[in-house]
Amino acid sequence: MGIFEKGAVRIRFEEAGSGFPLLLIAGGGLNSTISGITGSYPPFNAIEEFRGEYRCIAFDLRNANAGQSSGPLEIERPWDSHTDDQLGLMDHLGIDKFMVLGFCIGGRLSGTCYGGRLIASLQPCWRNPAGRVRRCVTSSTKTI
């Protein structure tokens, strides 16, 4: 387990495995935590499944009730605040290029990192600075 801090924001994360980096974003709504990747919620333990081939990185969403991440959200850009966390974490870990796998709300949160032609609420994949995100996969993501 590690902690990434930037200003008033504190993000808890875990890493496992080696290989090309894979950012795992758990489901669970705004209570998305690492246990949503490793626990009983997803149909499989994504870290265990992919750690043999990829460097897996999972984190607790900022202010998730059962998580250990915290910090204020910007009212005018709450989805982008989470994107800032994701990209900031990857910067902290020295990771330039990576893939994203998002479950449920993790699919929505992954959107702004990728920059693909996704719905407007998929924030992280839209921003994809300098083509950082190589692939983006979403699972059980509900659209509005």
C-alpha atoms as a PDB file:
ATOM      1  CA  MET A   1       0.000   0.000   0.000  1.00  0.00           C
ATOM      2  CA  GLY A   2       1.149   3.510  -0.757  1.00  0.00           C
ATOM      3  CA  ILE A   3      -0.088   7.059  -0.337  1.00  0.00           C
ATOM      4  CA  PHE A   4       0.076   9.798  -2.980  1.00  0.00           C
ATOM      5  CA  GLU A   5      -0.413  13.340  -1.708  1.00  0.00           C
ATOM      6  CA  LYS A   6      -0.912  16.542  -3.647  1.00  0.00           C
ATOM      7  CA  GLY A   7      -1.975  19.581  -1.667  1.00  0.00           C
ATOM      8  CA  ALA A   8      -5.033  18.679   0.425  1.00  0.00           C
ATOM      9  CA  VAL A   9      -5.629  15.464  -1.557  1.00  0.00           C
ATOM     10  CA  ARG A  10      -4.466  12.104  -0.242  1.00  0.00           C
ATOM     11  CA  ILE A  11      -4.879   8.983  -2.423  1.00  0.00           C
ATOM     12  CA  ARG A  12      -4.317   5.444  -1.128  1.00  0.00           C
ATOM     13  CA  PHE A  13      -3.123   2.986  -3.763  1.00  0.00           C
ATOM     14  CA  GLU A  14      -1.775  -0.528  -4.202  1.00  0.00           C
ATOM     15  CA  GLU A  15       0.496  -2.021  -6.849  1.00  0.00           C
ATOM     16  CA  ALA A  16       1.094  -5.617  -7.849  1.00  0.00           C
ATOM     17  CA  GLY A  17       2.865  -7.392 -10.696  1.00  0.00           C
ATOM     18  CA  SER A  18       5.134  -6.153 -13.434  1.00  0.00           C
ATOM     19  CA  GLY A  19       4.871  -5.337 -17.090  1.00  0.00           C
ATOM     20  CA  PHE A  20       2.929  -2.641 -18.903  1.00  0.00           C
ATOM     21  CA  PRO A  21       0.998  -0.503 -16.374  1.00  0.00           C
ATOM     22  CA  LEU A  22      -2.734  -1.210 -15.958  1.00  0.00           C
ATOM     23  CA  LEU A  23      -4.770   1.273 -13.906  1.00  0.00           C
ATOM     24  CA  LEU A  24      -7.716  -0.562 -12.332  1.00  0.00           C
ATOM     25  CA  ILE A  25     -10.713   1.560 -11.302  1.00  0.00           C
ATOM     26  CA  ALA A  26     -13.164  -0.278  -9.067  1.00  0.00           C
ATOM     27  CA  GLY A  27     -16.932  -0.136  -9.164  1.00  0.00           C
ATOM     28  CA  GLY A  28     -19.010   0.796  -6.156  1.00  0.00           C
ATOM     29  CA  GLY A  29     -20.312   4.213  -7.123  1.00  0.00           C
ATOM     30  CA  LEU A  30     -18.723   7.063  -5.265  1.00  0.00           C
ATOM     31  CA  ASN A  31     -17.567   4.464  -2.728  1.00  0.00           C
ATOM     32  CA  SER A  32     -15.112   2.917  -5.195  1.00  0.00           C
ATOM     33  CA  THR A  33     -12.222   1.335  -3.267  1.00  0.00           C
ATOM     34  CA  ILE A  34      -9.446  -1.174  -3.826  1.00  0.00           C
ATOM     35  CA  SER A  35     -11.665  -3.862  -2.314  1.00  0.00           C
ATOM     36  CA  GLY A  36     -13.958  -3.344  -5.317  1.00  0.00           C
ATOM     37  CA  ILE A  37     -11.159  -4.799  -7.453  1.00  0.00           C
ATOM     38  CA  THR A  38     -10.058  -7.524  -5.046  1.00  0.00           C
ATOM     39  CA  GLY A  39     -13.208  -8.341  -3.063  1.00  0.00           C
ATOM     40  CA  SER A  40     -16.511 -10.008  -3.867  1.00  0.00           C
ATOM     41  CA  TYR A  41     -18.036  -7.181  -5.969  1.00  0.00           C
ATOM     42  CA  PRO A  42     -16.451  -7.838  -9.394  1.00  0.00           C
ATOM     43  CA  PRO A  43     -16.847 -11.208 -11.075  1.00  0.00           C
ATOM     44  CA  PHE A  44     -13.109 -11.821 -10.546  1.00  0.00           C
ATOM     45  CA  ASN A  45     -10.129 -10.417  -8.653  1.00  0.00           C
ATOM     46  CA  ALA A  46      -8.600  -8.162 -11.317  1.00  0.00           C
ATOM     47  CA  ILE A  47      -5.279  -7.720  -9.537  1.00  0.00           C
ATOM     48  CA  GLU A  48      -4.760 -11.475  -9.175  1.00  0.00           C
ATOM     49  CA  GLU A  49      -5.909 -12.075 -12.740  1.00  0.00           C
ATOM     50  CA  PHE A  50      -3.590  -9.537 -14.394  1.00  0.00           C
ATOM     51  CA  ARG A  51      -0.564  -9.206 -12.088  1.00  0.00           C
ATOM     52  CA  GLY A  52       1.359 -11.902 -13.951  1.00  0.00           C
ATOM     53  CA  GLU A  53       1.336  -9.869 -17.154  1.00  0.00           C
ATOM     54  CA  TYR A  54       0.804  -6.241 -16.086  1.00  0.00           C
ATOM     55  CA  ARG A  55       1.853  -3.776 -13.413  1.00  0.00           C
ATOM     56  CA  CYS A  56      -1.551  -3.363 -11.740  1.00  0.00           C
ATOM     57  CA  ILE A  57      -2.367  -0.140  -9.903  1.00  0.00           C
ATOM     58  CA  ALA A  58      -5.597   0.261  -7.912  1.00  0.00           C
ATOM     59  CA  PHE A  59      -6.709   3.107  -5.643  1.00  0.00           C
ATOM     60  CA  ASP A  60      -9.459   4.285  -3.314  1.00  0.00           C
ATOM     61  CA  LEU A  61     -11.620   7.005  -4.823  1.00  0.00           C
ATOM     62  CA  ARG A  62     -11.328  10.323  -3.054  1.00  0.00           C
ATOM     63  CA  ASN A  63     -13.743  10.430  -0.062  1.00  0.00           C
ATOM     64  CA  ALA A  64     -15.135   6.898  -0.554  1.00  0.00           C
ATOM     65  CA  ASN A  65     -16.784   5.920   2.757  1.00  0.00           C
ATOM     66  CA  ALA A  66     -14.817   2.677   3.222  1.00  0.00           C
ATOM     67  CA  GLY A  67     -11.637   4.044   1.643  1.00  0.00           C
ATOM     68  CA  GLN A  68      -8.555   5.819   2.895  1.00  0.00           C
ATOM     69  CA  SER A  69      -8.347   8.559   0.246  1.00  0.00           C
ATOM     70  CA  SER A  70      -9.504  12.061   1.079  1.00  0.00           C
ATOM     71  CA  GLY A  71      -9.593  15.630  -0.115  1.00  0.00           C
ATOM     72  CA  PRO A  72     -11.987  18.310  -1.323  1.00  0.00           C
ATOM     73  CA  LEU A  73     -13.680  18.010  -4.720  1.00  0.00           C
ATOM     74  CA  GLU A  74     -13.920  21.021  -6.973  1.00  0.00           C
ATOM     75  CA  ILE A  75     -17.650  21.742  -7.227  1.00  0.00           C
ATOM     76  CA  GLU A  76     -17.407  23.020 -10.809  1.00  0.00           C
ATOM     77  CA  ARG A  77     -15.484  19.975 -12.040  1.00  0.00           C
ATOM     78  CA  PRO A  78     -15.990  16.980  -9.749  1.00  0.00           C
ATOM     79  CA  TRP A  79     -15.323  14.319 -12.428  1.00  0.00           C
ATOM     80  CA  ASP A  80     -12.163  16.121 -13.473  1.00  0.00           C
ATOM     81  CA  SER A  81     -11.039  16.186  -9.833  1.00  0.00           C
ATOM     82  CA  HIS A  82     -11.010  12.385  -9.902  1.00  0.00           C
ATOM     83  CA  THR A  83      -9.143  12.482 -13.222  1.00  0.00           C
ATOM     84  CA  ASP A  84      -6.547  14.731 -11.610  1.00  0.00           C
ATOM     85  CA  ASP A  85      -6.111  12.031  -8.955  1.00  0.00           C
ATOM     86  CA  GLN A  86      -5.633   9.284 -11.543  1.00  0.00           C
ATOM     87  CA  LEU A  87      -3.155  11.183 -13.698  1.00  0.00           C
ATOM     88  CA  GLY A  88      -1.385  12.575 -10.640  1.00  0.00           C
ATOM     89  CA  LEU A  89      -0.984   9.070  -9.231  1.00  0.00           C
ATOM     90  CA  MET A  90       0.504   7.830 -12.488  1.00  0.00           C
ATOM     91  CA  ASP A  91       2.899  10.804 -12.506  1.00  0.00           C
ATOM     92  CA  HIS A  92       3.838  10.038  -8.889  1.00  0.00           C
ATOM     93  CA  LEU A  93       4.666   6.461  -9.903  1.00  0.00           C
ATOM     94  CA  GLY A  94       6.731   7.652 -12.887  1.00  0.00           C
ATOM     95  CA  ILE A  95       4.313   6.093 -15.378  1.00  0.00           C
ATOM     96  CA  ASP A  96       3.912   7.836 -18.719  1.00  0.00           C
ATOM     97  CA  LYS A  97       1.881   5.366 -20.823  1.00  0.00           C
ATOM     98  CA  PHE A  98      -0.711   3.002 -19.359  1.00  0.00           C
ATOM     99  CA  MET A  99      -3.965   1.135 -19.929  1.00  0.00           C
ATOM    100  CA  VAL A 100      -7.194   1.531 -17.948  1.00  0.00           C
ATOM    101  CA  LEU A 101      -9.788  -1.047 -16.883  1.00  0.00           C
ATOM    102  CA  GLY A 102     -12.834   0.454 -15.177  1.00  0.00           C
ATOM    103  CA  PHE A 103     -15.764  -1.399 -13.606  1.00  0.00           C
ATOM    104  CA  CYS A 104     -19.174   0.276 -13.162  1.00  0.00           C
ATOM    105  CA  ILE A 105     -18.407   3.888 -12.086  1.00  0.00           C
ATOM    106  CA  GLY A 106     -14.777   3.069 -12.843  1.00  0.00           C
ATOM    107  CA  GLY A 107     -15.836   2.963 -16.497  1.00  0.00           C
ATOM    108  CA  ARG A 108     -17.188   6.489 -16.241  1.00  0.00           C
ATOM    109  CA  LEU A 109     -14.104   7.646 -14.370  1.00  0.00           C
ATOM    110  CA  SER A 110     -11.821   6.049 -16.943  1.00  0.00           C
ATOM    111  CA  GLY A 111     -13.361   8.037 -19.777  1.00  0.00           C
ATOM    112  CA  THR A 112     -11.377  11.215 -19.225  1.00  0.00           C
ATOM    113  CA  CYS A 113      -7.999   9.460 -19.240  1.00  0.00           C
ATOM    114  CA  TYR A 114      -8.444   7.937 -22.656  1.00  0.00           C
ATOM    115  CA  GLY A 115      -9.536  10.728 -24.970  1.00  0.00           C
ATOM    116  CA  GLY A 116     -11.507   8.347 -27.139  1.00  0.00           C
ATOM    117  CA  ARG A 117     -14.948   8.980 -28.609  1.00  0.00           C
ATOM    118  CA  LEU A 118     -16.830   8.252 -25.419  1.00  0.00           C
ATOM    119  CA  ILE A 119     -19.902   9.796 -23.827  1.00  0.00           C
ATOM    120  CA  ALA A 120     -19.393  13.152 -22.171  1.00  0.00           C
ATOM    121  CA  SER A 121     -19.593  11.721 -18.640  1.00  0.00           C
ATOM    122  CA  LEU A 122     -16.509   9.573 -19.258  1.00  0.00           C
ATOM    123  CA  GLN A 123     -14.090  12.205 -18.078  1.00  0.00           C
ATOM    124  CA  PRO A 124     -10.529  10.843 -17.550  1.00  0.00           C
ATOM    125  CA  CYS A 125     -10.055   9.292 -20.972  1.00  0.00           C
ATOM    126  CA  TRP A 126     -11.179  12.457 -22.753  1.00  0.00           C
ATOM    127  CA  ARG A 127      -8.193  14.360 -21.423  1.00  0.00           C
ATOM    128  CA  ASN A 128      -5.553  11.766 -22.403  1.00  0.00           C
ATOM    129  CA  PRO A 129      -2.635  14.217 -22.528  1.00  0.00           C
ATOM    130  CA  ALA A 130       0.021  13.243 -25.056  1.00  0.00           C
ATOM    131  CA  GLY A 131      -1.667   9.918 -25.722  1.00  0.00           C
ATOM    132  CA  ARG A 132      -0.810   8.538 -22.274  1.00  0.00           C
ATOM    133  CA  VAL A 133      -3.627   5.993 -22.155  1.00  0.00           C
ATOM    134  CA  ARG A 134      -3.062   3.259 -24.725  1.00  0.00           C
ATOM    135  CA  ARG A 135      -6.290   1.290 -24.189  1.00  0.00           C
ATOM    136  CA  CYS A 136      -9.451   1.834 -22.165  1.00  0.00           C
ATOM    137  CA  VAL A 137     -11.851  -0.991 -21.277  1.00  0.00           C
ATOM    138  CA  THR A 138     -15.059  -0.530 -19.338  1.00  0.00           C
ATOM    139  CA  SER A 139     -17.202  -3.224 -17.732  1.00  0.00           C
ATOM    140  CA  SER A 140     -20.775  -2.933 -16.419  1.00  0.00           C
ATOM    141  CA  THR A 141     -20.765   0.811 -17.040  1.00  0.00           C
ATOM    142  CA  LYS A 142     -24.187   2.440 -17.045  1.00  0.00           C
ATOM    143  CA  THR A 143     -24.686   5.443 -19.288  1.00  0.00           C
ATOM    144  CA  ILE A 144     -27.215   8.223 -18.851  1.00  0.00           C
END
